[in-house]
Each structure stands twice: as structure tokens, then as C-alpha cells.
Amino acid sequence: MSEPSTPGIRIGQGIRIGIGGWTYEPWRGPFYPAGLPHKRELEYAGRRLTSIEVNGTFYGSQKPESFARWHDETPDGFVFSLKGPRYATNRKVLAEAGASVERFLTGGLLELKDKLGPINWQLAATKKFDPEDFEGFLKLLPASVEGRALRHAVEVRHPSFQTPEVIDLARRYGVAIVVAGDSDYPTIADPTADFVYARIMGTSEGEPLGYSPAALDRWAERARIWAAGGMAEGLETVGPAAERRPRDVFLYVISGHKVGNPAAAQALIERIG
């Protein structure tokens, strides 16, 4: 799993910040200007954010033509992270998901070309840690497909994953453990790959920018620290210290008061750059 760092934005090299998806009716007005055609929303979002996590790939397959269109509608340097399909992760035995994983990885996502970012394999909140099964699933995640390097992150959401054994396995296979920030899910902030993947879920209705200025400052500083190879303060870790080395960072403002997520993401980008 040794992909070179993807081209970063000019300031905050290697830090990408965005939201989940781009089609959400309540964003029309607070984020998208009145009169903007719906078919131009991705183009608009792509010029104000540096990444988007695509949730639609979790629920169903996408046509290769869709991936190609997303590539063409966004600017150079933009990156899409994709959620792996639920058919691969919402199952009793993860290690038996090989066919679903392969079908997804060969289903057209390479049409994103250099804009293909990490793949987030989100486990069910009820899925408990089983060392043999978890390792079996990690073995299914290839380092490359058709010559293009891939990056994988696994979003574990059951407290049983808060153990050093999970960190050891993730580091062995070069897979990131998703940092779940400001949520009811367990926080595991141990870096385990050459990138950090964070999903922060604490936007609130009372904040014009989704988060308070102080909270935005904290998350921007954590992104800088991760990018520099350090350990962000105020977040729980469960394993031995990670090797200090620069890492790409993918941070998404997800859930919470969703209307405010684009504002929070833009505020974080301003603080980084």
C-alpha cells in the first residue's frame, strides 16, 4: 500500500477537506445560489471544496460514465473518496466479501483517474471485532487495480474495535482506521497508513459555520498535525505510537446539522490555507 502522496492544494499540501455528497435540497440557498441548475451543483461544489465523499456508492452501483462525468466536472487537484458497497461490509462474515469487493473495484471507478481518493469501507455499528475475520477482510483489499494504486480505510463503529490488535492489523495491511470525530461512535485516532481519514459529525444548528470558531480551529490544527506526521491532541488512541512521517489528510464534515456542513468545510479550508 505505498501510493505516492496525491497532488495537494497549494497551501496545506496533502490536506483535502469536504462534505458527504453534493445533492441535498436544503443546501440550495445556504450553499448553492438561487437559480443554479441542479446539474451544475457538483461543478459549483468542486470549486469551493477540495474533496467529496460519495455516499451513493454504498447503496448501489454507479455507471462508469458517471465516474467519468464527475472527473470532468471538477477542477484539477480535486479528489473523490468513495464508500464501499454495503453488500461487502454489512454481512456476518466479512472475509467472504471477496466477490463484492472485486465487483466494486472493477465497476468503473477507475474512470475517476487521478481524482480517485481513498475507499471507505464502513462496517455496521453492530459488527464486533473478530481478529480472524477482520484480517480476512483486510486481505481482500488490493493495493492496486489495473496498475492504479488504491487506498483503503475501514470505518469501525463498535467499541470492541478499540484494541491495539486492530491497530496492529491495520498497519500490517496499510489500511487507515477512520477517525470518527464528535460522534457517538468510538474514536480511534491512531494513524495506521500513509494517510489519515477523518469524518467529523458535530455541526449544530446554532452555529453559523456549523462549528464554533474554536472547534474549527481545533480541527484545522489537527489536520495540520496529521499532515506533518504528528499525533493530534484531544483524540483517543489505543495502540503503540505511530511512526512520525508526513501523511495526506482527508477530512469530511458529515452528519450533524447537515445544512451547515458546507459552511464548516469551507471554514476549515480557509483556516488551512
C-alpha atoms as a PDB file:
ATOM      1  CA  MET A   1       0.000   0.000   0.000  1.00  0.00           C
ATOM      2  CA  SER A   2       2.631   2.562  -0.962  1.00  0.00           C
ATOM      3  CA  GLU A   3       0.977   5.158  -3.144  1.00  0.00           C
ATOM      4  CA  PRO A   4       2.824   8.471  -3.514  1.00  0.00           C
ATOM      5  CA  SER A   5       1.097  11.445  -1.953  1.00  0.00           C
ATOM      6  CA  THR A   6      -1.618  12.743  -4.214  1.00  0.00           C
ATOM      7  CA  PRO A   7      -1.138  16.292  -5.537  1.00  0.00           C
ATOM      8  CA  GLY A   8      -2.234  18.664  -2.800  1.00  0.00           C
ATOM      9  CA  ILE A   9      -3.736  22.117  -2.732  1.00  0.00           C
ATOM     10  CA  ARG A  10      -1.119  24.873  -2.816  1.00  0.00           C
ATOM     11  CA  ILE A  11      -1.224  25.538   0.921  1.00  0.00           C
ATOM     12  CA  GLY A  12      -1.878  22.632   3.234  1.00  0.00           C
ATOM     13  CA  GLN A  13      -0.148  20.179   0.909  1.00  0.00           C
ATOM     14  CA  GLY A  14      -1.919  16.850   1.039  1.00  0.00           C
ATOM     15  CA  ILE A  15      -4.920  18.074   3.068  1.00  0.00           C
ATOM     16  CA  ARG A  16      -8.313  17.578   1.440  1.00  0.00           C
ATOM     17  CA  ILE A  17     -11.496  18.815   3.123  1.00  0.00           C
ATOM     18  CA  GLY A  18     -15.081  18.314   2.030  1.00  0.00           C
ATOM     19  CA  ILE A  19     -18.566  17.019   2.698  1.00  0.00           C
ATOM     20  CA  GLY A  20     -20.622  13.907   2.050  1.00  0.00           C
ATOM     21  CA  GLY A  21     -22.205  14.046  -1.393  1.00  0.00           C
ATOM     22  CA  TRP A  22     -23.324  17.171  -3.194  1.00  0.00           C
ATOM     23  CA  THR A  23     -27.053  16.625  -3.834  1.00  0.00           C
ATOM     24  CA  TYR A  24     -29.091  17.785  -0.846  1.00  0.00           C
ATOM     25  CA  GLU A  25     -32.119  20.028  -1.296  1.00  0.00           C
ATOM     26  CA  PRO A  26     -31.638  22.089   1.916  1.00  0.00           C
ATOM     27  CA  TRP A  27     -28.207  23.205   0.604  1.00  0.00           C
ATOM     28  CA  ARG A  28     -29.991  25.103  -2.166  1.00  0.00           C
ATOM     29  CA  GLY A  29     -29.908  28.603  -0.747  1.00  0.00           C
ATOM     30  CA  PRO A  30     -27.456  28.294   2.161  1.00  0.00           C
ATOM     31  CA  PHE A  31     -24.750  26.813  -0.106  1.00  0.00           C
ATOM     32  CA  TYR A  32     -25.906  26.691  -3.719  1.00  0.00           C
ATOM     33  CA  PRO A  33     -27.057  30.060  -5.068  1.00  0.00           C
ATOM     34  CA  ALA A  34     -30.640  30.547  -6.175  1.00  0.00           C
ATOM     35  CA  GLY A  35     -31.155  29.625  -9.784  1.00  0.00           C
ATOM     36  CA  LEU A  36     -28.148  27.333 -10.075  1.00  0.00           C
ATOM     37  CA  PRO A  37     -29.147  24.373 -12.269  1.00  0.00           C
ATOM     38  CA  HIS A  38     -29.039  21.122 -10.316  1.00  0.00           C
ATOM     39  CA  LYS A  39     -26.769  19.576 -12.934  1.00  0.00           C
ATOM     40  CA  ARG A  40     -24.117  22.207 -12.114  1.00  0.00           C
ATOM     41  CA  GLU A  41     -24.077  21.601  -8.357  1.00  0.00           C
ATOM     42  CA  LEU A  42     -21.049  19.311  -8.469  1.00  0.00           C
ATOM     43  CA  GLU A  43     -19.148  21.847 -10.569  1.00  0.00           C
ATOM     44  CA  TYR A  44     -20.023  24.556  -8.026  1.00  0.00           C
ATOM     45  CA  ALA A  45     -19.087  22.425  -5.001  1.00  0.00           C
ATOM     46  CA  GLY A  46     -15.852  21.334  -6.649  1.00  0.00           C
ATOM     47  CA  ARG A  47     -14.634  24.931  -6.819  1.00  0.00           C
ATOM     48  CA  ARG A  48     -15.315  25.616  -3.144  1.00  0.00           C
ATOM     49  CA  LEU A  49     -14.209  22.338  -1.588  1.00  0.00           C
ATOM     50  CA  THR A  50     -11.195  20.124  -2.199  1.00  0.00           C
ATOM     51  CA  SER A  51     -12.880  16.729  -1.851  1.00  0.00           C
ATOM     52  CA  ILE A  52     -16.228  14.979  -1.567  1.00  0.00           C
ATOM     53  CA  GLU A  53     -17.067  11.617  -0.036  1.00  0.00           C
ATOM     54  CA  VAL A  54     -19.568   9.809  -2.259  1.00  0.00           C
ATOM     55  CA  ASN A  55     -22.210   8.004  -0.236  1.00  0.00           C
ATOM     56  CA  GLY A  56     -24.199   6.763  -3.235  1.00  0.00           C
ATOM     57  CA  THR A  57     -21.647   4.030  -3.939  1.00  0.00           C
ATOM     58  CA  PHE A  58     -22.560   2.495  -0.573  1.00  0.00           C
ATOM     59  CA  TYR A  59     -26.169   1.953  -1.599  1.00  0.00           C
ATOM     60  CA  GLY A  60     -25.853   0.960  -5.237  1.00  0.00           C
ATOM     61  CA  SER A  61     -23.581   0.621  -8.232  1.00  0.00           C
ATOM     62  CA  GLN A  62     -22.654   3.578 -10.438  1.00  0.00           C
ATOM     63  CA  LYS A  63     -22.090   3.540 -14.170  1.00  0.00           C
ATOM     64  CA  PRO A  64     -18.565   4.099 -15.496  1.00  0.00           C
ATOM     65  CA  GLU A  65     -19.965   7.086 -17.361  1.00  0.00           C
ATOM     66  CA  SER A  66     -20.948   8.676 -14.043  1.00  0.00           C
ATOM     67  CA  PHE A  67     -17.437   8.401 -12.651  1.00  0.00           C
ATOM     68  CA  ALA A  68     -16.061   9.891 -15.871  1.00  0.00           C
ATOM     69  CA  ARG A  69     -18.525  12.783 -15.679  1.00  0.00           C
ATOM     70  CA  TRP A  70     -17.605  13.509 -12.055  1.00  0.00           C
ATOM     71  CA  HIS A  71     -13.979  13.642 -13.104  1.00  0.00           C
ATOM     72  CA  ASP A  72     -14.686  16.109 -15.873  1.00  0.00           C
ATOM     73  CA  GLU A  73     -16.933  18.386 -13.794  1.00  0.00           C
ATOM     74  CA  THR A  74     -14.373  19.063 -11.063  1.00  0.00           C
ATOM     75  CA  PRO A  75     -11.103  21.029 -11.151  1.00  0.00           C
ATOM     76  CA  ASP A  76      -7.577  19.671 -11.185  1.00  0.00           C
ATOM     77  CA  GLY A  77      -6.487  18.514  -7.734  1.00  0.00           C
ATOM     78  CA  PHE A  78      -9.997  17.638  -6.596  1.00  0.00           C
ATOM     79  CA  VAL A  79     -10.434  14.166  -5.081  1.00  0.00           C
ATOM     80  CA  PHE A  80     -13.404  11.863  -4.549  1.00  0.00           C
ATOM     81  CA  SER A  81     -13.458   9.369  -1.712  1.00  0.00           C
ATOM     82  CA  LEU A  82     -15.909   6.534  -2.289  1.00  0.00           C
ATOM     83  CA  LYS A  83     -17.813   4.474   0.231  1.00  0.00           C
ATOM     84  CA  GLY A  84     -17.508   0.788  -0.487  1.00  0.00           C
ATOM     85  CA  PRO A  85     -20.797  -1.057  -1.105  1.00  0.00           C
ATOM     86  CA  ARG A  86     -22.855  -2.221   1.818  1.00  0.00           C
ATOM     87  CA  TYR A  87     -23.023  -5.674   0.216  1.00  0.00           C
ATOM     88  CA  ALA A  88     -19.347  -6.048   1.126  1.00  0.00           C
ATOM     89  CA  THR A  89     -19.471  -4.717   4.672  1.00  0.00           C
ATOM     90  CA  ASN A  90     -22.942  -5.374   6.094  1.00  0.00           C
ATOM     91  CA  ARG A  91     -22.528  -9.111   6.424  1.00  0.00           C
ATOM     92  CA  LYS A  92     -21.931 -11.649   9.151  1.00  0.00           C
ATOM     93  CA  VAL A  93     -18.597 -12.855   7.735  1.00  0.00           C
ATOM     94  CA  LEU A  94     -16.502 -10.027   6.287  1.00  0.00           C
ATOM     95  CA  ALA A  95     -13.897 -12.416   4.923  1.00  0.00           C
ATOM     96  CA  GLU A  96     -16.489 -13.783   2.484  1.00  0.00           C
ATOM     97  CA  ALA A  97     -16.936 -10.413   0.750  1.00  0.00           C
ATOM     98  CA  GLY A  98     -14.342 -11.042  -1.962  1.00  0.00           C
ATOM     99  CA  ALA A  99     -16.776 -11.118  -4.884  1.00  0.00           C
ATOM    100  CA  SER A 100     -18.494  -7.898  -3.777  1.00  0.00           C
ATOM    101  CA  VAL A 101     -15.170  -6.117  -3.285  1.00  0.00           C
ATOM    102  CA  GLU A 102     -13.890  -7.173  -6.702  1.00  0.00           C
ATOM    103  CA  ARG A 103     -17.138  -6.226  -8.438  1.00  0.00           C
ATOM    104  CA  PHE A 104     -16.965  -2.737  -6.964  1.00  0.00           C
ATOM    105  CA  LEU A 105     -13.296  -2.155  -7.721  1.00  0.00           C
ATOM    106  CA  THR A 106     -13.704  -3.226 -11.355  1.00  0.00           C
ATOM    107  CA  GLY A 107     -17.032  -1.459 -11.879  1.00  0.00           C
ATOM    108  CA  GLY A 108     -15.825   1.775 -13.414  1.00  0.00           C
ATOM    109  CA  LEU A 109     -14.374   3.777 -10.544  1.00  0.00           C
ATOM    110  CA  LEU A 110     -11.012   3.973 -12.354  1.00  0.00           C
ATOM    111  CA  GLU A 111     -12.738   6.466 -14.673  1.00  0.00           C
ATOM    112  CA  LEU A 112     -12.033   8.979 -11.894  1.00  0.00           C
ATOM    113  CA  LYS A 113      -8.338   8.683 -12.876  1.00  0.00           C
ATOM    114  CA  ASP A 114      -6.153  10.915 -10.694  1.00  0.00           C
ATOM    115  CA  LYS A 115      -9.226  12.109  -8.771  1.00  0.00           C
ATOM    116  CA  LEU A 116      -9.805   8.722  -7.156  1.00  0.00           C
ATOM    117  CA  GLY A 117      -9.131   9.046  -3.443  1.00  0.00           C
ATOM    118  CA  PRO A 118      -9.483   6.527  -0.610  1.00  0.00           C
ATOM    119  CA  ILE A 119     -12.267   3.987  -0.375  1.00  0.00           C
ATOM    120  CA  ASN A 120     -14.097   3.963   2.933  1.00  0.00           C
ATOM    121  CA  TRP A 121     -15.369   0.510   3.894  1.00  0.00           C
ATOM    122  CA  GLN A 122     -17.955   1.320   6.582  1.00  0.00           C
ATOM    123  CA  LEU A 123     -18.862  -1.553   8.882  1.00  0.00           C
ATOM    124  CA  ALA A 124     -22.232  -1.913  10.559  1.00  0.00           C
ATOM    125  CA  ALA A 125     -22.435  -0.393  14.028  1.00  0.00           C
ATOM    126  CA  THR A 126     -23.350  -3.837  15.378  1.00  0.00           C
ATOM    127  CA  LYS A 127     -20.313  -5.555  13.834  1.00  0.00           C
ATOM    128  CA  LYS A 128     -17.956  -6.684  16.603  1.00  0.00           C
ATOM    129  CA  PHE A 129     -14.234  -7.196  16.284  1.00  0.00           C
ATOM    130  CA  ASP A 130     -13.253 -10.716  15.320  1.00  0.00           C
ATOM    131  CA  PRO A 131      -9.480 -10.816  14.705  1.00  0.00           C
ATOM    132  CA  GLU A 132      -9.528 -13.630  12.154  1.00  0.00           C
ATOM    133  CA  ASP A 133     -12.492 -12.258  10.223  1.00  0.00           C
ATOM    134  CA  PHE A 134     -11.207  -8.672  10.279  1.00  0.00           C
ATOM    135  CA  GLU A 135      -7.824  -9.729   8.947  1.00  0.00           C
ATOM    136  CA  GLY A 136      -9.563 -11.841   6.331  1.00  0.00           C
ATOM    137  CA  PHE A 137     -11.380  -8.742   5.125  1.00  0.00           C
ATOM    138  CA  LEU A 138      -8.211  -6.636   5.057  1.00  0.00           C
ATOM    139  CA  LYS A 139      -6.616  -9.279   2.839  1.00  0.00           C
ATOM    140  CA  LEU A 140      -9.386  -8.689   0.298  1.00  0.00           C
ATOM    141  CA  LEU A 141      -8.435  -5.033  -0.212  1.00  0.00           C
ATOM    142  CA  PRO A 142      -5.872  -4.878  -3.040  1.00  0.00           C
ATOM    143  CA  ALA A 143      -3.063  -2.341  -3.195  1.00  0.00           C
ATOM    144  CA  SER A 144      -3.849  -1.667  -6.842  1.00  0.00           C
ATOM    145  CA  VAL A 145      -6.272  -2.427  -9.665  1.00  0.00           C
ATOM    146  CA  GLU A 146      -5.179  -2.370 -13.306  1.00  0.00           C
ATOM    147  CA  GLY A 147      -1.977  -0.630 -12.330  1.00  0.00           C
ATOM    148  CA  ARG A 148      -3.608   2.180 -10.328  1.00  0.00           C
ATOM    149  CA  ALA A 149      -2.715   2.327  -6.649  1.00  0.00           C
ATOM    150  CA  LEU A 150      -5.622   2.207  -4.209  1.00  0.00           C
ATOM    151  CA  ARG A 151      -6.017   3.466  -0.694  1.00  0.00           C
ATOM    152  CA  HIS A 152      -8.391   1.836   1.751  1.00  0.00           C
ATOM    153  CA  ALA A 153      -9.918   2.994   5.020  1.00  0.00           C
ATOM    154  CA  VAL A 154     -12.161   0.953   7.297  1.00  0.00           C
ATOM    155  CA  GLU A 155     -14.778   2.686   9.427  1.00  0.00           C
ATOM    156  CA  VAL A 156     -15.276   0.553  12.520  1.00  0.00           C
ATOM    157  CA  ARG A 157     -18.204   1.578  14.691  1.00  0.00           C
ATOM    158  CA  HIS A 158     -18.361  -0.927  17.543  1.00  0.00           C
ATOM    159  CA  PRO A 159     -16.445  -0.356  20.820  1.00  0.00           C
ATOM    160  CA  SER A 160     -14.872  -3.811  20.587  1.00  0.00           C
ATOM    161  CA  PHE A 161     -12.506  -2.397  17.923  1.00  0.00           C
ATOM    162  CA  GLN A 162     -10.829  -0.146  20.479  1.00  0.00           C
ATOM    163  CA  THR A 163      -7.917  -2.502  20.979  1.00  0.00           C
ATOM    164  CA  PRO A 164      -4.229  -2.487  19.993  1.00  0.00           C
ATOM    165  CA  GLU A 165      -4.766  -5.630  17.926  1.00  0.00           C
ATOM    166  CA  VAL A 166      -6.886  -3.638  15.451  1.00  0.00           C
ATOM    167  CA  ILE A 167      -4.099  -1.085  15.099  1.00  0.00           C
ATOM    168  CA  ASP A 168      -1.504  -3.785  14.520  1.00  0.00           C
ATOM    169  CA  LEU A 169      -3.591  -5.421  11.800  1.00  0.00           C
ATOM    170  CA  ALA A 170      -4.411  -2.132  10.061  1.00  0.00           C
ATOM    171  CA  ARG A 171      -0.745  -1.120   9.999  1.00  0.00           C
ATOM    172  CA  ARG A 172       0.282  -4.523   8.697  1.00  0.00           C
ATOM    173  CA  TYR A 173      -2.008  -4.081   5.678  1.00  0.00           C
ATOM    174  CA  GLY A 174      -1.548  -0.320   5.256  1.00  0.00           C
ATOM    175  CA  VAL A 175      -5.234   0.423   5.828  1.00  0.00           C
ATOM    176  CA  ALA A 176      -6.435   3.539   7.647  1.00  0.00           C
ATOM    177  CA  ILE A 177      -8.868   3.319  10.531  1.00  0.00           C
ATOM    178  CA  VAL A 178     -11.403   6.107  10.089  1.00  0.00           C
ATOM    179  CA  VAL A 179     -11.336   8.762  12.816  1.00  0.00           C
ATOM    180  CA  ALA A 180     -14.938   9.322  13.921  1.00  0.00           C
ATOM    181  CA  GLY A 181     -14.966  12.794  15.433  1.00  0.00           C
ATOM    182  CA  ASP A 182     -17.677  14.418  17.548  1.00  0.00           C
ATOM    183  CA  SER A 183     -19.953  11.401  17.364  1.00  0.00           C
ATOM    184  CA  ASP A 184     -21.294   8.554  19.475  1.00  0.00           C
ATOM    185  CA  TYR A 185     -19.064   6.093  17.643  1.00  0.00           C
ATOM    186  CA  PRO A 186     -15.715   5.086  19.164  1.00  0.00           C
ATOM    187  CA  THR A 187     -12.841   7.411  18.329  1.00  0.00           C
ATOM    188  CA  ILE A 188      -9.674   5.645  17.188  1.00  0.00           C
ATOM    189  CA  ALA A 189      -7.157   8.290  16.139  1.00  0.00           C
ATOM    190  CA  ASP A 190      -4.125   6.052  15.662  1.00  0.00           C
ATOM    191  CA  PRO A 191      -2.516   6.648  12.241  1.00  0.00           C
ATOM    192  CA  THR A 192      -2.208   3.252  10.551  1.00  0.00           C
ATOM    193  CA  ALA A 193      -1.495   4.135   6.903  1.00  0.00           C
ATOM    194  CA  ASP A 194       0.201   6.806   4.790  1.00  0.00           C
ATOM    195  CA  PHE A 195      -2.933   8.938   5.119  1.00  0.00           C
ATOM    196  CA  VAL A 196      -5.480   9.914   7.752  1.00  0.00           C
ATOM    197  CA  TYR A 197      -9.208   9.687   7.050  1.00  0.00           C
ATOM    198  CA  ALA A 198     -11.443  11.668   9.417  1.00  0.00           C
ATOM    199  CA  ARG A 199     -15.213  12.126   9.477  1.00  0.00           C
ATOM    200  CA  ILE A 200     -16.416  14.804  11.894  1.00  0.00           C
ATOM    201  CA  MET A 201     -20.088  14.805  12.819  1.00  0.00           C
ATOM    202  CA  GLY A 202     -20.667  17.630  15.276  1.00  0.00           C
ATOM    203  CA  THR A 203     -22.164  20.528  13.340  1.00  0.00           C
ATOM    204  CA  SER A 204     -25.051  22.193  15.174  1.00  0.00           C
ATOM    205  CA  GLU A 205     -27.935  24.423  14.150  1.00  0.00           C
ATOM    206  CA  GLY A 206     -26.931  27.292  16.405  1.00  0.00           C
ATOM    207  CA  GLU A 207     -23.565  27.876  14.736  1.00  0.00           C
ATOM    208  CA  PRO A 208     -23.461  29.970  11.532  1.00  0.00           C
ATOM    209  CA  LEU A 209     -20.427  27.981  10.354  1.00  0.00           C
ATOM    210  CA  GLY A 210     -21.678  24.653  11.651  1.00  0.00           C
ATOM    211  CA  TYR A 211     -18.989  24.551  14.335  1.00  0.00           C
ATOM    212  CA  SER A 212     -17.856  27.233  16.745  1.00  0.00           C
ATOM    213  CA  PRO A 213     -14.731  29.163  15.719  1.00  0.00           C
ATOM    214  CA  ALA A 214     -12.766  27.438  18.486  1.00  0.00           C
ATOM    215  CA  ALA A 215     -13.853  23.977  17.327  1.00  0.00           C
ATOM    216  CA  LEU A 216     -12.960  24.820  13.728  1.00  0.00           C
ATOM    217  CA  ASP A 217      -9.543  26.000  14.902  1.00  0.00           C
ATOM    218  CA  ARG A 218      -9.013  22.683  16.737  1.00  0.00           C
ATOM    219  CA  TRP A 219      -9.911  20.552  13.727  1.00  0.00           C
ATOM    220  CA  ALA A 220      -7.781  22.656  11.386  1.00  0.00           C
ATOM    221  CA  GLU A 221      -4.824  22.274  13.740  1.00  0.00           C
ATOM    222  CA  ARG A 222      -5.377  18.517  13.971  1.00  0.00           C
ATOM    223  CA  ALA A 223      -5.320  18.295  10.185  1.00  0.00           C
ATOM    224  CA  ARG A 224      -2.023  20.206  10.087  1.00  0.00           C
ATOM    225  CA  ILE A 225      -0.514  17.967  12.770  1.00  0.00           C
ATOM    226  CA  TRP A 226      -1.571  14.795  10.946  1.00  0.00           C
ATOM    227  CA  ALA A 227      -0.174  16.124   7.681  1.00  0.00           C
ATOM    228  CA  ALA A 228       3.142  16.831   9.394  1.00  0.00           C
ATOM    229  CA  GLY A 229       3.243  13.297  10.787  1.00  0.00           C
ATOM    230  CA  GLY A 230       2.253  14.028  14.369  1.00  0.00           C
ATOM    231  CA  MET A 231      -0.484  12.837  16.702  1.00  0.00           C
ATOM    232  CA  ALA A 232      -3.454  15.170  17.100  1.00  0.00           C
ATOM    233  CA  GLU A 233      -4.279  16.161  20.663  1.00  0.00           C
ATOM    234  CA  GLY A 234      -7.570  15.528  22.393  1.00  0.00           C
ATOM    235  CA  LEU A 235      -8.438  12.343  20.484  1.00  0.00           C
ATOM    236  CA  GLU A 236      -8.294   8.815  21.865  1.00  0.00           C
ATOM    237  CA  THR A 237      -5.700   6.340  20.619  1.00  0.00           C
ATOM    238  CA  VAL A 238      -5.492   2.670  21.526  1.00  0.00           C
ATOM    239  CA  GLY A 239      -2.244   1.313  20.080  1.00  0.00           C
ATOM    240  CA  PRO A 240       1.506   1.984  20.201  1.00  0.00           C
ATOM    241  CA  ALA A 241       2.800   5.265  18.838  1.00  0.00           C
ATOM    242  CA  ALA A 242       2.890   5.570  15.072  1.00  0.00           C
ATOM    243  CA  GLU A 243       5.963   6.277  13.007  1.00  0.00           C
ATOM    244  CA  ARG A 244       6.312  10.019  12.517  1.00  0.00           C
ATOM    245  CA  ARG A 245       6.095  10.761   8.788  1.00  0.00           C
ATOM    246  CA  PRO A 246       4.082  13.164   6.612  1.00  0.00           C
ATOM    247  CA  ARG A 247       0.625  11.909   5.744  1.00  0.00           C
ATOM    248  CA  ASP A 248      -2.110  13.015   3.395  1.00  0.00           C
ATOM    249  CA  VAL A 249      -5.283  14.002   5.223  1.00  0.00           C
ATOM    250  CA  PHE A 250      -8.885  13.554   4.089  1.00  0.00           C
ATOM    251  CA  LEU A 251     -11.375  15.268   6.401  1.00  0.00           C
ATOM    252  CA  TYR A 252     -15.117  15.263   5.793  1.00  0.00           C
ATOM    253  CA  VAL A 253     -17.839  17.151   7.630  1.00  0.00           C
ATOM    254  CA  ILE A 254     -20.601  14.551   7.844  1.00  0.00           C
ATOM    255  CA  SER A 255     -23.986  14.199   9.562  1.00  0.00           C
ATOM    256  CA  GLY A 256     -24.706  16.534  12.478  1.00  0.00           C
ATOM    257  CA  HIS A 257     -26.698  19.587  11.360  1.00  0.00           C
ATOM    258  CA  LYS A 258     -26.189  18.746   7.714  1.00  0.00           C
ATOM    259  CA  VAL A 259     -27.290  22.147   6.391  1.00  0.00           C
ATOM    260  CA  GLY A 260     -24.199  23.676   7.985  1.00  0.00           C
ATOM    261  CA  ASN A 261     -21.687  21.128   6.705  1.00  0.00           C
ATOM    262  CA  PRO A 262     -20.582  23.015   3.563  1.00  0.00           C
ATOM    263  CA  ALA A 263     -20.007  26.173   5.597  1.00  0.00           C
ATOM    264  CA  ALA A 264     -17.926  24.246   8.120  1.00  0.00           C
ATOM    265  CA  ALA A 265     -15.866  22.587   5.398  1.00  0.00           C
ATOM    266  CA  GLN A 266     -15.186  25.922   3.696  1.00  0.00           C
ATOM    267  CA  ALA A 267     -14.223  27.489   7.024  1.00  0.00           C
ATOM    268  CA  LEU A 268     -11.742  24.672   7.621  1.00  0.00           C
ATOM    269  CA  ILE A 269     -10.252  25.139   4.143  1.00  0.00           C
ATOM    270  CA  GLU A 270      -9.800  28.855   4.882  1.00  0.00           C
ATOM    271  CA  ARG A 271      -8.035  28.038   8.145  1.00  0.00           C
ATOM    272  CA  ILE A 272      -5.723  25.542   6.463  1.00  0.00           C
ATOM    273  CA  GLY A 273      -4.862  27.763   3.537  1.00  0.00           C
END
